[in-house]
Amino acid sequence: MSGRRIAFLIVYAFACMILPVVLLLATINYIDSMQITSNLAAIFLGYLVYGLAQVFLIFPMVGSWAVAVEPRSKVRLPSEELRRRLLSPNDDKLPFVVMQAPKDPNRIIASWRITDEKWIEFFAARGLRMQYELRLKIIKDKGIVLAQDSFRRFEYTGGVGGRGIKFAFQLSFFKGISLFQYERGAQYGVIYKDGKLKIDYAYNYTFNIAEIKNPIVDLITGSGWEFRPAVSL
């Protein structure tokens, strides 16, 4: 993420909050109270439209641009090669899996292996209660990979057939942009190395979303593509 972009986002957010106040004060100074009262509904509607546009349209686009991670390589690999690299880390040693969406080859999902019998006891012992998915969409003509964070809460169940999970959707589902600290160069944990994701040295998972996201960001930007979080795909 660029420091200048983040600074711009902060200034923009501050300006968006100050602008309505400035406009209101200007309105009070140049229009008498009778005119304000008679046009109160129109003024309120205008501020409402402005607020909704900022929250649901403009700010998400500016935020997505501000927290994007720019390519580290000047050579952009073909989308087919990028897709192959993203789908390469399906190793049983990794507690997350990367899959291609069944109906769209340009959509890819990375998530914890919470339904895998090999990992479910491991997850339960460490208190994991939230399924995290990193959903990616490859935009070929722009050299951008859009990314959306998705969370679902779940509970562990037990029985004769062993442990399992049950999703609880009530007030627990979230999609959007999660601001995160991205740091490269750490030679431990799950990293992108020698053309694929792999575990380097001994590593104890904490199940922070960065353990999935950081190596995938590294893979994407190292392939000459921009990683850009988005509210919707």
Protein backbone atom coordinates (compact mmCIF):
# COMPACT_ATOMS: atom_id res chain seq x y z
CA MET A 1 0.00 0.00 0.00
CA SER A 2 1.20 3.50 -0.85
CA GLY A 3 1.63 5.98 1.99
CA ARG A 4 0.50 8.78 -0.30
CA ARG A 5 -2.70 6.97 -1.18
CA ILE A 6 -3.49 6.32 2.48
CA ALA A 7 -2.80 9.98 3.28
CA PHE A 8 -5.14 11.01 0.46
CA LEU A 9 -7.84 8.67 1.81
CA ILE A 10 -7.58 10.25 5.28
CA VAL A 11 -7.73 13.78 3.87
CA TYR A 12 -10.65 12.83 1.63
CA ALA A 13 -12.60 11.29 4.52
CA PHE A 14 -12.00 14.40 6.65
CA ALA A 15 -13.08 16.69 3.79
CA CYS A 16 -16.26 14.65 3.26
CA MET A 17 -17.22 15.18 6.90
CA ILE A 18 -16.37 18.91 6.91
CA LEU A 19 -18.03 19.82 3.60
CA PRO A 20 -21.66 19.38 4.79
CA VAL A 21 -20.94 21.57 7.83
CA VAL A 22 -19.40 24.30 5.66
CA LEU A 23 -22.33 24.20 3.25
CA LEU A 24 -24.82 24.38 6.11
CA LEU A 25 -23.09 27.41 7.65
CA ALA A 26 -22.95 29.10 4.25
CA THR A 27 -26.65 28.43 3.73
CA ILE A 28 -27.52 29.95 7.11
CA ASN A 29 -25.41 33.07 6.39
CA TYR A 30 -26.81 33.82 2.93
CA ILE A 31 -30.42 32.64 3.20
CA ASP A 32 -32.93 33.89 5.75
CA SER A 33 -34.56 31.50 8.21
CA MET A 34 -37.93 31.59 6.40
CA GLN A 35 -36.39 30.27 3.18
CA ILE A 36 -34.48 27.58 5.09
CA THR A 37 -37.68 26.46 6.85
CA SER A 38 -39.68 26.29 3.62
CA ASN A 39 -36.97 24.28 1.88
CA LEU A 40 -36.04 22.11 4.85
CA ALA A 41 -37.23 18.88 3.20
CA ALA A 42 -35.18 19.56 0.04
CA ILE A 43 -32.09 20.42 2.10
CA PHE A 44 -32.46 17.26 4.18
CA LEU A 45 -32.94 15.12 1.05
CA GLY A 46 -29.84 16.67 -0.52
CA TYR A 47 -27.70 15.86 2.50
CA LEU A 48 -29.14 12.34 2.63
CA VAL A 49 -28.30 11.69 -1.03
CA TYR A 50 -24.81 13.12 -0.48
CA GLY A 51 -24.23 10.88 2.55
CA LEU A 52 -25.50 7.73 0.85
CA ALA A 53 -23.42 8.41 -2.26
CA GLN A 54 -20.28 8.84 -0.16
CA VAL A 55 -20.85 5.75 2.00
CA PHE A 56 -22.00 3.29 -0.66
CA LEU A 57 -20.45 4.55 -3.91
CA ILE A 58 -17.60 7.05 -3.78
CA PHE A 59 -15.78 6.14 -0.55
CA PRO A 60 -15.61 2.38 -1.35
CA MET A 61 -14.00 3.19 -4.73
CA VAL A 62 -11.52 5.64 -3.20
CA GLY A 63 -10.78 3.23 -0.36
CA SER A 64 -10.19 0.36 -2.78
CA TRP A 65 -7.72 2.47 -4.76
CA ALA A 66 -5.96 3.74 -1.60
CA VAL A 67 -5.26 0.32 -0.04
CA ALA A 68 -4.25 -1.37 -3.30
CA VAL A 69 -0.84 -3.04 -3.44
CA GLU A 70 1.05 -2.09 -6.58
CA PRO A 71 2.93 -4.64 -8.73
CA ARG A 72 6.49 -5.42 -7.67
CA SER A 73 7.44 -6.70 -11.10
CA LYS A 74 7.41 -4.57 -14.25
CA VAL A 75 6.66 -7.67 -16.33
CA ARG A 76 3.03 -8.72 -16.15
CA LEU A 77 2.56 -12.46 -16.58
CA PRO A 78 -0.39 -13.71 -18.66
CA SER A 79 -3.61 -14.26 -16.74
CA GLU A 80 -3.41 -18.00 -17.40
CA GLU A 81 -0.01 -18.20 -15.69
CA LEU A 82 -1.24 -16.08 -12.78
CA ARG A 83 -4.23 -18.40 -12.39
CA ARG A 84 -1.95 -21.45 -12.44
CA ARG A 85 0.26 -19.95 -9.73
CA LEU A 86 -2.71 -19.05 -7.56
CA LEU A 87 -4.08 -22.58 -7.79
CA SER A 88 -0.70 -24.23 -7.15
CA PRO A 89 -0.57 -24.20 -3.32
CA ASN A 90 -3.09 -26.99 -2.74
CA ASP A 91 -0.74 -28.87 -0.45
CA ASP A 92 -2.03 -30.96 2.47
CA LYS A 93 0.59 -29.27 4.64
CA LEU A 94 -1.21 -25.93 4.26
CA PRO A 95 -4.32 -25.33 6.42
CA PHE A 96 -5.97 -23.37 3.63
CA VAL A 97 -7.06 -24.29 0.13
CA VAL A 98 -7.21 -22.23 -3.08
CA MET A 99 -9.95 -23.15 -5.54
CA GLN A 100 -11.29 -21.88 -8.83
CA ALA A 101 -14.95 -20.90 -8.95
CA PRO A 102 -16.92 -23.56 -10.89
CA LYS A 103 -18.62 -21.12 -13.30
CA ASP A 104 -15.93 -18.48 -13.81
CA PRO A 105 -12.22 -19.29 -14.36
CA ASN A 106 -11.29 -15.72 -13.42
CA ARG A 107 -12.73 -16.07 -9.92
CA ILE A 108 -10.62 -17.79 -7.25
CA ILE A 109 -11.32 -18.44 -3.56
CA ALA A 110 -8.81 -19.11 -0.76
CA SER A 111 -10.15 -20.30 2.59
CA TRP A 112 -9.29 -22.27 5.73
CA ARG A 113 -9.77 -26.07 5.44
CA ILE A 114 -12.40 -26.09 8.18
CA THR A 115 -14.22 -29.14 6.78
CA ASP A 116 -11.07 -31.19 6.29
CA GLU A 117 -10.86 -34.07 8.79
CA LYS A 118 -7.10 -33.65 8.98
CA TRP A 119 -7.36 -30.05 10.16
CA ILE A 120 -10.65 -29.79 12.05
CA GLU A 121 -9.19 -30.95 15.39
CA PHE A 122 -6.28 -28.58 14.91
CA PHE A 123 -8.62 -25.66 14.30
CA ALA A 124 -10.82 -26.57 17.27
CA ALA A 125 -7.85 -26.82 19.62
CA ARG A 126 -6.77 -23.30 18.67
CA GLY A 127 -10.22 -21.79 19.00
CA LEU A 128 -10.90 -20.91 15.36
CA ARG A 129 -14.59 -19.92 15.13
CA MET A 130 -14.67 -17.79 11.99
CA GLN A 131 -14.32 -19.06 8.44
CA TYR A 132 -12.40 -16.60 6.31
CA GLU A 133 -12.47 -16.52 2.52
CA LEU A 134 -10.36 -14.35 0.27
CA ARG A 135 -12.30 -14.05 -2.99
CA LEU A 136 -10.34 -12.94 -6.04
CA LYS A 137 -11.38 -11.78 -9.49
CA ILE A 138 -8.81 -11.40 -12.27
CA ILE A 139 -9.43 -8.34 -14.47
CA LYS A 140 -7.39 -9.19 -17.56
CA ASP A 141 -7.51 -5.90 -19.47
CA LYS A 142 -6.50 -3.76 -16.47
CA GLY A 143 -3.86 -5.99 -14.88
CA ILE A 144 -5.75 -5.92 -11.58
CA VAL A 145 -6.85 -8.65 -9.20
CA LEU A 146 -9.84 -7.52 -7.15
CA ALA A 147 -10.07 -9.04 -3.68
CA GLN A 148 -12.98 -9.31 -1.28
CA ASP A 149 -12.83 -10.47 2.35
CA SER A 150 -15.67 -12.72 3.49
CA PHE A 151 -16.31 -14.01 7.03
CA ARG A 152 -18.80 -16.57 8.36
CA ARG A 153 -19.08 -17.67 11.97
CA PHE A 154 -19.39 -21.39 12.67
CA GLU A 155 -19.64 -23.80 15.60
CA TYR A 156 -18.11 -27.21 16.15
CA THR A 157 -20.39 -30.22 16.54
CA GLY A 158 -19.63 -33.71 17.82
CA GLY A 159 -21.22 -37.10 17.36
CA VAL A 160 -20.75 -40.74 16.52
CA GLY A 161 -19.26 -39.90 13.15
CA GLY A 162 -16.68 -37.53 14.62
CA ARG A 163 -16.40 -33.79 14.70
CA GLY A 164 -18.01 -31.45 12.22
CA ILE A 165 -19.05 -27.84 11.84
CA LYS A 166 -22.30 -25.91 11.67
CA PHE A 167 -22.51 -22.43 10.17
CA ALA A 168 -24.40 -19.74 12.05
CA PHE A 169 -25.41 -17.10 9.53
CA GLN A 170 -27.38 -14.81 11.85
CA LEU A 171 -25.62 -11.43 12.05
CA SER A 172 -22.30 -13.10 11.38
CA PHE A 173 -21.81 -12.69 7.64
CA PHE A 174 -19.61 -9.89 6.35
CA LYS A 175 -18.15 -9.01 3.00
CA GLY A 176 -15.92 -6.13 2.09
CA ILE A 177 -12.51 -4.58 2.59
CA SER A 178 -10.46 -5.41 5.65
CA LEU A 179 -7.57 -3.03 6.14
CA PHE A 180 -4.47 -5.02 6.90
CA GLN A 181 -0.77 -4.60 7.33
CA TYR A 182 1.09 -6.16 4.46
CA GLU A 183 4.82 -6.76 4.92
CA ARG A 184 7.06 -8.68 2.58
CA GLY A 185 10.38 -10.31 3.14
CA ALA A 186 9.53 -12.41 6.19
CA GLN A 187 11.23 -15.76 5.61
CA TYR A 188 8.95 -17.90 7.74
CA GLY A 189 5.44 -19.24 7.66
CA VAL A 190 3.60 -19.54 4.37
CA ILE A 191 5.51 -17.61 1.73
CA TYR A 192 5.68 -17.32 -2.04
CA LYS A 193 8.97 -18.89 -3.09
CA ASP A 194 10.33 -20.66 -6.17
CA GLY A 195 7.10 -20.14 -8.12
CA LYS A 196 4.65 -21.44 -5.53
CA LEU A 197 3.32 -21.02 -2.01
CA LYS A 198 5.06 -23.15 0.57
CA ILE A 199 5.87 -23.45 4.26
CA ASP A 200 9.36 -22.29 5.12
CA TYR A 201 10.87 -23.40 8.45
CA ALA A 202 8.81 -24.44 11.45
CA TYR A 203 5.70 -22.35 11.87
CA ASN A 204 2.87 -22.22 14.38
CA TYR A 205 -0.36 -20.94 12.85
CA THR A 206 -2.25 -18.18 14.61
CA PHE A 207 -5.01 -18.13 11.95
CA ASN A 208 -4.75 -14.43 11.31
CA ILE A 209 -6.18 -13.54 7.89
CA ALA A 210 -2.71 -12.29 6.91
CA GLU A 211 -1.52 -15.93 6.88
CA ILE A 212 -3.68 -16.48 3.81
CA LYS A 213 -3.64 -12.99 2.38
CA ASN A 214 0.03 -11.96 2.58
CA PRO A 215 1.53 -14.82 0.52
CA ILE A 216 -1.21 -14.47 -2.09
CA VAL A 217 -0.62 -10.71 -2.31
CA ASP A 218 3.08 -11.46 -2.73
CA LEU A 219 2.31 -13.93 -5.51
CA ILE A 220 0.01 -11.54 -7.36
CA THR A 221 2.25 -8.45 -7.15
CA GLY A 222 5.33 -10.53 -7.94
CA SER A 223 3.60 -11.62 -11.14
CA GLY A 224 3.23 -8.00 -12.26
CA TRP A 225 -0.42 -7.58 -11.24
CA GLU A 226 -2.00 -5.08 -8.85
CA PHE A 227 -3.83 -6.41 -5.78
CA ARG A 228 -6.87 -4.22 -5.09
CA PRO A 229 -9.36 -4.87 -2.26
CA ALA A 230 -13.00 -4.25 -3.16
CA VAL A 231 -16.36 -4.13 -1.42
CA SER A 232 -18.00 -6.19 -4.15
CA LEU A 233 -16.83 -8.36 -7.03
